[in-house]
Amino acid sequence: MQKLKVNDNVVVLAGKDKGKQGKIKNINWKTNRVVVEGVNVVKKTMKPNQQNPQGGLVDIEKALHVSNVAVTDPKSGKATRVKVTEKNGKKIRVAKSGADIK
């Protein structure tokens, strides 16, 4: 079972956006990268197309390495480590404080 999942609330541990929080939008396990909402935003020039007929500069979110993010604790809202335990025959993710992670 993976310790990070899409729609998890995470906090950035390193880089230019250190301390920012957001939800995971996308995970690529082959390259170990995650895209977090509102984090690591860069400007990119786009050619005109159907969705953006004007073209020009667009803000997009780039991927971060998974080691640079940590799940936020549901109780305290701070970064926490995750362990996987078994409850009623199902594996669930639990924060180090003991709170279940949805």
Protein backbone atom coordinates (compact mmCIF):
# COMPACT_ATOMS: atom_id res chain seq x y z
CA MET A 1 0.00 0.00 0.00
CA GLN A 2 1.30 3.43 -0.96
CA LYS A 3 1.74 6.05 1.72
CA LEU A 4 0.80 8.93 -0.61
CA LYS A 5 -2.45 9.06 -2.56
CA VAL A 6 -4.22 11.55 -4.81
CA ASN A 7 -6.23 14.18 -2.84
CA ASP A 8 -4.02 13.83 0.26
CA ASN A 9 -3.19 17.08 2.04
CA VAL A 10 0.58 17.48 2.05
CA VAL A 11 3.17 20.02 3.18
CA VAL A 12 6.31 20.83 1.17
CA LEU A 13 9.51 20.08 3.11
CA ALA A 14 12.17 21.51 0.78
CA GLY A 15 12.61 23.90 -2.12
CA LYS A 16 11.37 27.36 -2.98
CA ASP A 17 7.85 26.57 -1.71
CA LYS A 18 8.95 25.11 1.65
CA GLY A 19 6.12 25.23 4.19
CA LYS A 20 3.28 25.55 1.66
CA GLN A 21 0.36 23.14 1.86
CA GLY A 22 -1.90 21.72 -0.83
CA LYS A 23 -3.64 18.66 -2.22
CA ILE A 24 -1.95 16.10 -4.44
CA LYS A 25 -3.34 16.30 -7.98
CA ASN A 26 -1.22 13.65 -9.69
CA ILE A 27 1.39 11.02 -8.77
CA ASN A 28 3.90 9.39 -11.13
CA TRP A 29 5.49 6.40 -9.38
CA LYS A 30 7.88 5.66 -12.27
CA THR A 31 9.68 8.98 -11.78
CA ASN A 32 8.70 9.41 -8.07
CA ARG A 33 7.11 12.80 -8.67
CA VAL A 34 3.92 14.46 -7.41
CA VAL A 35 1.99 17.52 -8.55
CA VAL A 36 0.58 19.60 -5.68
CA GLU A 37 -2.10 22.30 -6.11
CA GLY A 38 -0.69 25.82 -5.90
CA VAL A 39 2.91 24.68 -5.36
CA ASN A 40 5.92 25.00 -7.70
CA VAL A 41 4.00 27.25 -10.09
CA VAL A 42 5.97 28.39 -13.14
CA LYS A 43 5.16 30.47 -16.20
CA LYS A 44 5.13 28.75 -19.58
CA THR A 45 4.58 30.20 -23.03
CA MET A 46 1.76 28.51 -24.91
CA LYS A 47 0.87 28.60 -28.58
CA PRO A 48 -2.74 29.49 -29.36
CA ASN A 49 -5.03 26.44 -29.34
CA GLN A 50 -8.71 25.56 -28.85
CA GLN A 51 -8.66 25.90 -25.05
CA ASN A 52 -6.47 29.02 -25.09
CA PRO A 53 -7.11 30.92 -28.35
CA GLN A 54 -5.05 33.93 -27.20
CA GLY A 55 -1.90 31.96 -26.31
CA GLY A 56 0.80 33.71 -24.29
CA LEU A 57 2.06 33.12 -20.75
CA VAL A 58 0.26 30.51 -18.64
CA ASP A 59 0.87 29.51 -15.00
CA ILE A 60 1.29 25.73 -14.59
CA GLU A 61 2.19 23.52 -11.63
CA LYS A 62 5.34 21.46 -12.05
CA ALA A 63 6.07 18.17 -10.29
CA LEU A 64 8.05 17.78 -7.07
CA HIS A 65 10.00 14.76 -5.89
CA VAL A 66 8.03 12.62 -3.40
CA SER A 67 10.80 12.99 -0.81
CA ASN A 68 10.09 16.73 -0.66
CA VAL A 69 6.48 16.35 0.55
CA ALA A 70 4.93 14.86 3.68
CA VAL A 71 1.33 14.07 4.59
CA THR A 72 -0.26 16.53 7.03
CA ASP A 73 -1.47 15.17 10.35
CA PRO A 74 -5.30 15.36 10.59
CA LYS A 75 -5.03 16.37 14.28
CA SER A 76 -2.25 18.98 14.29
CA GLY A 77 -1.97 19.99 10.63
CA LYS A 78 1.81 19.51 10.69
CA ALA A 79 3.96 17.16 8.60
CA THR A 80 3.88 13.56 9.78
CA ARG A 81 5.15 10.15 8.83
CA VAL A 82 2.68 7.48 7.78
CA LYS A 83 2.52 3.87 8.82
CA VAL A 84 0.27 1.15 7.45
CA THR A 85 -1.62 -0.96 9.97
CA GLU A 86 -4.29 -3.59 9.67
CA LYS A 87 -7.73 -3.00 11.18
CA ASN A 88 -10.62 -5.46 10.74
CA GLY A 89 -8.70 -7.26 7.98
CA LYS A 90 -8.13 -4.07 5.95
CA LYS A 91 -4.93 -2.09 5.60
CA ILE A 92 -5.30 1.54 6.61
CA ARG A 93 -2.91 4.48 6.74
CA VAL A 94 -2.27 5.96 10.17
CA ALA A 95 -0.34 9.10 11.14
CA LYS A 96 2.31 8.85 13.85
CA SER A 97 -0.10 10.65 16.22
CA GLY A 98 -2.54 7.74 15.81
CA ALA A 99 -5.13 9.50 13.63
CA ASP A 100 -6.48 7.67 10.59
CA ILE A 101 -5.69 9.29 7.22
CA LYS A 102 -8.64 9.34 4.83
